[in-house]
């Protein structure tokens, strides 16, 4: 019995400590990283869902425009209204564009020609990239501020087909601008820390 009990006790002794969120460990580094990873995944989930919506909307639009119109005309049936298809596509593409642009900043996938800065010394290259990140932050702030003003100006207007408040359309620029600011600051840290795609451009990545 003693031989059987010892391995179990050793396993209990080797077991990693569990996070006790009710014992004041809500701000444990592991818990914070987990929550931040979930928050960081939200824009990716949103643009994936929007891409699906856009593709389905395009297919539905083609079907209604060419197939259902032909059926209605051939069999003398009431016409099918499909003006909402265009609005769904416009709204989805607006949100997809601004959120996707911000994610492109974070991933470093926007088109860039680095023939000149690649020849710079590491310190000067890092300085140029840091200035680029600050310009991105400033641009994102401008987009968010003016986007909010445009959204407020159109807060009393509604779309003709879906009867949706146009504020939600222009708020896409606000969300995209805020994300540009956030990702611009994160990439600024990546430049100095040598992390990720921006760290590779600075020449400090291992």
Foldseek 3Di string as FASTA:
>chain_A
DVVVVVVVVVVVVPDDDDQDPVVPCCPPVVNVVVVVVVVVCVLVVLLVVLVVQLVVLVVVVVCLVPPVVVVCVVVVHDHDDDPVSVVSNLLSVLLNVLSVVLVCLLQVPPDDDCPPLVPPPLVVSLVVLLVVLVVQLVVLVVQLVVLQVVLVVQQVPADDPPRHRCSSSSCSSNVSSVSSNVSSVVLNVCSVVLDHPNSVSSVNHD
